Amino acid sequence: MGRIAGKKGINKDHPFREEWALKLWPSFKEKGTKNFNMDDASLKLGKSKATIYKYFSNREDILSVILELLFKELSKFRDLLNDSSLDYIVRYKRSVELLSKELKGISGSFLFDLKKYHPELWQLVEGFKKTVIDELGEFYAEGIKESMLGDTSVQLLKVGDEIFLNALLEPSFLIKNNLKLEESLRAYFENKMFGMLKR
């Protein structure tokens, strides 16, 4: 994932960038991006804004680092899903657990702000969603081939996942239904696997 270019002189390689971004992540995902500015970041980190601007060009720069780290952790689901040393169902459950854990606490406000005010970064979310759907499609195909899953269409299974994830990533859907991102994701995929298993 590429980072957004900052002001000349910004130290893009300093470990403070990741360390400080991780400290700010809980506030961003709870309050959203619109209601958490550089003054708030200064208070949260106990650093002057001038010091913060040595490492980040703006709020979006902080968000780009946060998302880079988040997607790095989320991408580990692929290794779990493809670990043939584990039982097929165990692989699925652990993958879903990892995704749920990393998404925990992300509010509808954060998703709303990211989509509305940071469209370039939102495209990274869309790209990761597509990766998840494609990886799950290959996993479903393996399950059908190995007679773990019932005789069904991989494409239909992928379409179902896409419809669900599109709804889940729509901020108004979470807010309207008073849902938590991580709990909804876990419930959907665990119930889906139960329904797909060959009887």
C-alpha atoms as a PDB file:
ATOM      1  CA  MET A   1       0.000   0.000   0.000  1.00  0.00           C
ATOM      2  CA  GLY A   2       1.497   3.318  -1.015  1.00  0.00           C
ATOM      3  CA  ARG A   3       1.689   6.256   1.350  1.00  0.00           C
ATOM      4  CA  ILE A   4       0.511   9.687   0.380  1.00  0.00           C
ATOM      5  CA  ALA A   5       3.299  12.106  -0.352  1.00  0.00           C
ATOM      6  CA  GLY A   6       3.914  14.583   2.412  1.00  0.00           C
ATOM      7  CA  LYS A   7       5.748  17.877   2.804  1.00  0.00           C
ATOM      8  CA  LYS A   8       9.400  18.083   1.963  1.00  0.00           C
ATOM      9  CA  GLY A   9      11.470  17.129   4.981  1.00  0.00           C
ATOM     10  CA  ILE A  10       8.949  14.723   6.512  1.00  0.00           C
ATOM     11  CA  ASN A  11      10.820  11.761   7.989  1.00  0.00           C
ATOM     12  CA  LYS A  12       8.896   8.879   6.397  1.00  0.00           C
ATOM     13  CA  ASP A  13      11.251   6.180   7.683  1.00  0.00           C
ATOM     14  CA  HIS A  14      11.356   6.977  11.386  1.00  0.00           C
ATOM     15  CA  PRO A  15       9.868   4.280  13.665  1.00  0.00           C
ATOM     16  CA  PHE A  16       7.896   7.017  15.439  1.00  0.00           C
ATOM     17  CA  ARG A  17       5.490   6.982  12.496  1.00  0.00           C
ATOM     18  CA  GLU A  18       4.273   3.460  13.208  1.00  0.00           C
ATOM     19  CA  GLU A  19       4.526   3.801  16.977  1.00  0.00           C
ATOM     20  CA  TRP A  20       2.532   7.022  17.111  1.00  0.00           C
ATOM     21  CA  ALA A  21       0.015   5.883  14.490  1.00  0.00           C
ATOM     22  CA  LEU A  22      -0.775   2.803  16.597  1.00  0.00           C
ATOM     23  CA  LYS A  23      -1.280   4.991  19.678  1.00  0.00           C
ATOM     24  CA  LEU A  24      -3.704   7.189  17.745  1.00  0.00           C
ATOM     25  CA  TRP A  25      -5.610   4.318  16.101  1.00  0.00           C
ATOM     26  CA  PRO A  26      -8.029   3.662  19.024  1.00  0.00           C
ATOM     27  CA  SER A  27      -9.143   7.301  18.999  1.00  0.00           C
ATOM     28  CA  PHE A  28      -9.600   7.393  15.236  1.00  0.00           C
ATOM     29  CA  LYS A  29     -11.628   4.194  15.052  1.00  0.00           C
ATOM     30  CA  GLU A  30     -13.878   5.281  17.905  1.00  0.00           C
ATOM     31  CA  LYS A  31     -14.425   8.961  17.018  1.00  0.00           C
ATOM     32  CA  GLY A  32     -13.915   8.922  13.256  1.00  0.00           C
ATOM     33  CA  THR A  33     -11.518  11.155  11.362  1.00  0.00           C
ATOM     34  CA  LYS A  34     -13.529  14.372  11.220  1.00  0.00           C
ATOM     35  CA  ASN A  35     -13.748  14.647  14.995  1.00  0.00           C
ATOM     36  CA  PHE A  36     -10.102  13.843  15.676  1.00  0.00           C
ATOM     37  CA  ASN A  37      -7.654  16.472  14.424  1.00  0.00           C
ATOM     38  CA  MET A  38      -3.976  17.263  14.836  1.00  0.00           C
ATOM     39  CA  ASP A  39      -4.666  19.149  18.090  1.00  0.00           C
ATOM     40  CA  ASP A  40      -6.242  15.979  19.473  1.00  0.00           C
ATOM     41  CA  ALA A  41      -3.272  13.969  18.222  1.00  0.00           C
ATOM     42  CA  SER A  42      -0.936  16.352  20.016  1.00  0.00           C
ATOM     43  CA  LEU A  43      -2.813  15.887  23.301  1.00  0.00           C
ATOM     44  CA  LYS A  44      -3.039  12.117  22.894  1.00  0.00           C
ATOM     45  CA  LEU A  45       0.667  11.710  22.174  1.00  0.00           C
ATOM     46  CA  GLY A  46       1.858  14.387  24.591  1.00  0.00           C
ATOM     47  CA  LYS A  47       3.851  15.984  21.789  1.00  0.00           C
ATOM     48  CA  SER A  48       3.709  19.410  20.212  1.00  0.00           C
ATOM     49  CA  LYS A  49       2.101  19.722  16.800  1.00  0.00           C
ATOM     50  CA  ALA A  50       5.435  20.952  15.477  1.00  0.00           C
ATOM     51  CA  THR A  51       7.026  17.675  16.571  1.00  0.00           C
ATOM     52  CA  ILE A  52       4.243  15.597  15.020  1.00  0.00           C
ATOM     53  CA  TYR A  53       4.615  17.485  11.735  1.00  0.00           C
ATOM     54  CA  LYS A  54       8.225  16.308  11.565  1.00  0.00           C
ATOM     55  CA  TYR A  55       6.900  12.795  10.918  1.00  0.00           C
ATOM     56  CA  PHE A  56       3.412  13.296   9.435  1.00  0.00           C
ATOM     57  CA  SER A  57       2.358  15.804   6.810  1.00  0.00           C
ATOM     58  CA  ASN A  58      -1.313  15.788   7.880  1.00  0.00           C
ATOM     59  CA  ARG A  59      -4.105  13.698   9.365  1.00  0.00           C
ATOM     60  CA  GLU A  60      -4.489  11.651   6.176  1.00  0.00           C
ATOM     61  CA  ASP A  61      -0.813  10.763   6.363  1.00  0.00           C
ATOM     62  CA  ILE A  62      -1.414   9.312   9.835  1.00  0.00           C
ATOM     63  CA  LEU A  63      -4.405   7.372   8.504  1.00  0.00           C
ATOM     64  CA  SER A  64      -2.361   5.964   5.635  1.00  0.00           C
ATOM     65  CA  VAL A  65       0.143   4.512   8.116  1.00  0.00           C
ATOM     66  CA  ILE A  66      -2.670   3.153  10.297  1.00  0.00           C
ATOM     67  CA  LEU A  67      -4.318   1.411   7.332  1.00  0.00           C
ATOM     68  CA  GLU A  68      -1.009   0.064   6.118  1.00  0.00           C
ATOM     69  CA  LEU A  69      -0.425  -1.575   9.500  1.00  0.00           C
ATOM     70  CA  LEU A  70      -4.036  -2.767   9.745  1.00  0.00           C
ATOM     71  CA  PHE A  71      -4.029  -4.420   6.324  1.00  0.00           C
ATOM     72  CA  LYS A  72      -0.667  -6.011   7.106  1.00  0.00           C
ATOM     73  CA  GLU A  73      -2.269  -7.767  10.087  1.00  0.00           C
ATOM     74  CA  LEU A  74      -5.512  -8.547   8.271  1.00  0.00           C
ATOM     75  CA  SER A  75      -3.581 -10.140   5.404  1.00  0.00           C
ATOM     76  CA  LYS A  76      -2.415 -12.887   7.748  1.00  0.00           C
ATOM     77  CA  PHE A  77      -5.869 -14.449   7.307  1.00  0.00           C
ATOM     78  CA  ARG A  78      -4.641 -15.681   3.921  1.00  0.00           C
ATOM     79  CA  ASP A  79      -1.873 -17.768   5.519  1.00  0.00           C
ATOM     80  CA  LEU A  80      -4.331 -19.295   7.979  1.00  0.00           C
ATOM     81  CA  LEU A  81      -6.861 -20.058   5.272  1.00  0.00           C
ATOM     82  CA  ASN A  82      -4.221 -21.830   3.167  1.00  0.00           C
ATOM     83  CA  ASP A  83      -2.482 -23.744   5.967  1.00  0.00           C
ATOM     84  CA  SER A  84      -3.083 -27.308   4.789  1.00  0.00           C
ATOM     85  CA  SER A  85      -1.553 -28.702   7.992  1.00  0.00           C
ATOM     86  CA  LEU A  86      -4.750 -27.660   9.790  1.00  0.00           C
ATOM     87  CA  ASP A  87      -8.239 -29.112   9.556  1.00  0.00           C
ATOM     88  CA  TYR A  88     -10.379 -27.380   6.929  1.00  0.00           C
ATOM     89  CA  ILE A  89     -12.930 -26.034   9.443  1.00  0.00           C
ATOM     90  CA  VAL A  90     -10.204 -24.946  11.877  1.00  0.00           C
ATOM     91  CA  ARG A  91      -8.560 -22.926   9.108  1.00  0.00           C
ATOM     92  CA  TYR A  92     -11.836 -21.154   8.397  1.00  0.00           C
ATOM     93  CA  LYS A  93     -12.622 -20.441  12.038  1.00  0.00           C
ATOM     94  CA  ARG A  94      -9.150 -19.089  12.785  1.00  0.00           C
ATOM     95  CA  SER A  95      -9.229 -16.885   9.710  1.00  0.00           C
ATOM     96  CA  VAL A  96     -12.584 -15.410  10.699  1.00  0.00           C
ATOM     97  CA  GLU A  97     -11.375 -14.923  14.278  1.00  0.00           C
ATOM     98  CA  LEU A  98      -8.311 -13.039  13.053  1.00  0.00           C
ATOM     99  CA  LEU A  99     -10.363 -10.734  10.843  1.00  0.00           C
ATOM    100  CA  SER A 100     -12.851 -10.112  13.661  1.00  0.00           C
ATOM    101  CA  LYS A 101     -10.108  -9.377  16.170  1.00  0.00           C
ATOM    102  CA  GLU A 102      -8.342  -6.846  13.962  1.00  0.00           C
ATOM    103  CA  LEU A 103     -11.611  -5.076  13.068  1.00  0.00           C
ATOM    104  CA  LYS A 104     -12.766  -4.840  16.685  1.00  0.00           C
ATOM    105  CA  GLY A 105     -13.830  -1.380  17.778  1.00  0.00           C
ATOM    106  CA  ILE A 106     -14.049   0.196  14.323  1.00  0.00           C
ATOM    107  CA  SER A 107     -17.106   2.427  14.477  1.00  0.00           C
ATOM    108  CA  GLY A 108     -19.621   3.387  11.836  1.00  0.00           C
ATOM    109  CA  SER A 109     -18.355   6.956  12.297  1.00  0.00           C
ATOM    110  CA  PHE A 110     -14.857   5.953  11.258  1.00  0.00           C
ATOM    111  CA  LEU A 111     -16.113   4.135   8.158  1.00  0.00           C
ATOM    112  CA  PHE A 112     -18.379   7.065   7.283  1.00  0.00           C
ATOM    113  CA  ASP A 113     -15.563   9.607   7.561  1.00  0.00           C
ATOM    114  CA  LEU A 114     -13.057   7.438   5.736  1.00  0.00           C
ATOM    115  CA  LYS A 115     -15.438   6.904   2.831  1.00  0.00           C
ATOM    116  CA  LYS A 116     -16.586  10.549   2.622  1.00  0.00           C
ATOM    117  CA  TYR A 117     -13.420  12.503   3.367  1.00  0.00           C
ATOM    118  CA  HIS A 118     -10.631  10.113   2.329  1.00  0.00           C
ATOM    119  CA  PRO A 119     -11.780   8.442  -0.920  1.00  0.00           C
ATOM    120  CA  GLU A 120      -8.252   7.457  -1.923  1.00  0.00           C
ATOM    121  CA  LEU A 121      -7.798   5.550   1.315  1.00  0.00           C
ATOM    122  CA  TRP A 122     -11.293   4.085   1.004  1.00  0.00           C
ATOM    123  CA  GLN A 123     -10.222   2.480  -2.266  1.00  0.00           C
ATOM    124  CA  LEU A 124      -7.714   0.467  -0.238  1.00  0.00           C
ATOM    125  CA  VAL A 125     -10.614  -0.871   1.832  1.00  0.00           C
ATOM    126  CA  GLU A 126     -12.434  -1.843  -1.356  1.00  0.00           C
ATOM    127  CA  GLY A 127      -9.305  -3.546  -2.675  1.00  0.00           C
ATOM    128  CA  PHE A 128      -8.881  -5.574   0.494  1.00  0.00           C
ATOM    129  CA  LYS A 129     -12.542  -6.579   0.416  1.00  0.00           C
ATOM    130  CA  LYS A 130     -12.034  -7.983  -3.092  1.00  0.00           C
ATOM    131  CA  THR A 131      -8.968  -9.908  -1.883  1.00  0.00           C
ATOM    132  CA  VAL A 132     -10.992 -11.479   0.950  1.00  0.00           C
ATOM    133  CA  ILE A 133     -13.777 -12.517  -1.442  1.00  0.00           C
ATOM    134  CA  ASP A 134     -11.330 -14.030  -3.950  1.00  0.00           C
ATOM    135  CA  GLU A 135      -9.399 -15.925  -1.268  1.00  0.00           C
ATOM    136  CA  LEU A 136     -12.617 -17.295   0.205  1.00  0.00           C
ATOM    137  CA  GLY A 137     -13.724 -18.340  -3.289  1.00  0.00           C
ATOM    138  CA  GLU A 138     -10.607 -20.489  -3.654  1.00  0.00           C
ATOM    139  CA  PHE A 139     -11.192 -21.894  -0.186  1.00  0.00           C
ATOM    140  CA  TYR A 140     -14.790 -22.810  -1.046  1.00  0.00           C
ATOM    141  CA  ALA A 141     -13.636 -24.455  -4.277  1.00  0.00           C
ATOM    142  CA  GLU A 142     -11.174 -26.578  -2.293  1.00  0.00           C
ATOM    143  CA  GLY A 143     -13.916 -27.565   0.148  1.00  0.00           C
ATOM    144  CA  ILE A 144     -16.214 -28.680  -2.653  1.00  0.00           C
ATOM    145  CA  LYS A 145     -13.415 -30.609  -4.367  1.00  0.00           C
ATOM    146  CA  GLU A 146     -12.484 -32.379  -1.128  1.00  0.00           C
ATOM    147  CA  SER A 147     -16.161 -33.120  -0.349  1.00  0.00           C
ATOM    148  CA  MET A 148     -16.101 -30.971   2.781  1.00  0.00           C
ATOM    149  CA  LEU A 149     -18.857 -28.722   1.470  1.00  0.00           C
ATOM    150  CA  GLY A 150     -22.121 -29.553  -0.221  1.00  0.00           C
ATOM    151  CA  ASP A 151     -22.531 -29.371  -3.977  1.00  0.00           C
ATOM    152  CA  THR A 152     -23.012 -25.663  -4.594  1.00  0.00           C
ATOM    153  CA  SER A 153     -21.781 -22.841  -6.800  1.00  0.00           C
ATOM    154  CA  VAL A 154     -18.567 -21.099  -5.773  1.00  0.00           C
ATOM    155  CA  GLN A 155     -19.689 -18.023  -7.671  1.00  0.00           C
ATOM    156  CA  LEU A 156     -22.951 -17.854  -5.722  1.00  0.00           C
ATOM    157  CA  LEU A 157     -21.045 -18.210  -2.451  1.00  0.00           C
ATOM    158  CA  LYS A 158     -18.757 -15.351  -3.467  1.00  0.00           C
ATOM    159  CA  VAL A 159     -21.704 -13.181  -4.490  1.00  0.00           C
ATOM    160  CA  GLY A 160     -23.289 -13.788  -1.079  1.00  0.00           C
ATOM    161  CA  ASP A 161     -20.072 -12.714   0.644  1.00  0.00           C
ATOM    162  CA  GLU A 162     -19.832  -9.623  -1.540  1.00  0.00           C
ATOM    163  CA  ILE A 163     -23.409  -8.557  -0.771  1.00  0.00           C
ATOM    164  CA  PHE A 164     -22.808  -9.031   2.953  1.00  0.00           C
ATOM    165  CA  LEU A 165     -19.468  -7.213   3.012  1.00  0.00           C
ATOM    166  CA  ASN A 166     -20.866  -4.341   0.952  1.00  0.00           C
ATOM    167  CA  ALA A 167     -23.643  -3.930   3.524  1.00  0.00           C
ATOM    168  CA  LEU A 168     -21.254  -4.323   6.459  1.00  0.00           C
ATOM    169  CA  LEU A 169     -18.927  -1.630   5.134  1.00  0.00           C
ATOM    170  CA  GLU A 170     -21.815   0.773   4.592  1.00  0.00           C
ATOM    171  CA  PRO A 171     -21.642   3.023   7.675  1.00  0.00           C
ATOM    172  CA  SER A 172     -25.382   3.740   7.749  1.00  0.00           C
ATOM    173  CA  PHE A 173     -26.095  -0.017   7.861  1.00  0.00           C
ATOM    174  CA  LEU A 174     -24.065  -0.475  11.045  1.00  0.00           C
ATOM    175  CA  ILE A 175     -25.451   2.652  12.682  1.00  0.00           C
ATOM    176  CA  LYS A 176     -29.090   1.982  11.729  1.00  0.00           C
ATOM    177  CA  ASN A 177     -28.998  -1.619  12.960  1.00  0.00           C
ATOM    178  CA  ASN A 178     -26.789  -0.886  15.988  1.00  0.00           C
ATOM    179  CA  LEU A 179     -24.291  -3.510  14.852  1.00  0.00           C
ATOM    180  CA  LYS A 180     -20.627  -3.957  15.636  1.00  0.00           C
ATOM    181  CA  LEU A 181     -18.382  -4.672  12.687  1.00  0.00           C
ATOM    182  CA  GLU A 182     -16.416  -7.523  14.223  1.00  0.00           C
ATOM    183  CA  GLU A 183     -19.415  -9.309  15.772  1.00  0.00           C
ATOM    184  CA  SER A 184     -21.455  -9.109  12.582  1.00  0.00           C
ATOM    185  CA  LEU A 185     -18.603 -10.468  10.489  1.00  0.00           C
ATOM    186  CA  ARG A 186     -17.992 -13.393  12.827  1.00  0.00           C
ATOM    187  CA  ALA A 187     -21.678 -14.304  13.072  1.00  0.00           C
ATOM    188  CA  TYR A 188     -22.184 -14.210   9.303  1.00  0.00           C
ATOM    189  CA  PHE A 189     -19.203 -16.351   8.364  1.00  0.00           C
ATOM    190  CA  GLU A 190     -19.658 -18.871  11.173  1.00  0.00           C
ATOM    191  CA  ASN A 191     -23.332 -19.346  10.295  1.00  0.00           C
ATOM    192  CA  LYS A 192     -22.470 -19.579   6.621  1.00  0.00           C
ATOM    193  CA  MET A 193     -19.933 -22.348   7.170  1.00  0.00           C
ATOM    194  CA  PHE A 194     -22.427 -24.336   9.251  1.00  0.00           C
ATOM    195  CA  GLY A 195     -24.925 -24.097   6.402  1.00  0.00           C
ATOM    196  CA  MET A 196     -22.388 -25.125   3.754  1.00  0.00           C
ATOM    197  CA  LEU A 197     -21.006 -28.217   5.441  1.00  0.00           C
ATOM    198  CA  LYS A 198     -21.800 -31.482   3.723  1.00  0.00           C
ATOM    199  CA  ARG A 199     -24.301 -33.568   5.655  1.00  0.00           C
END
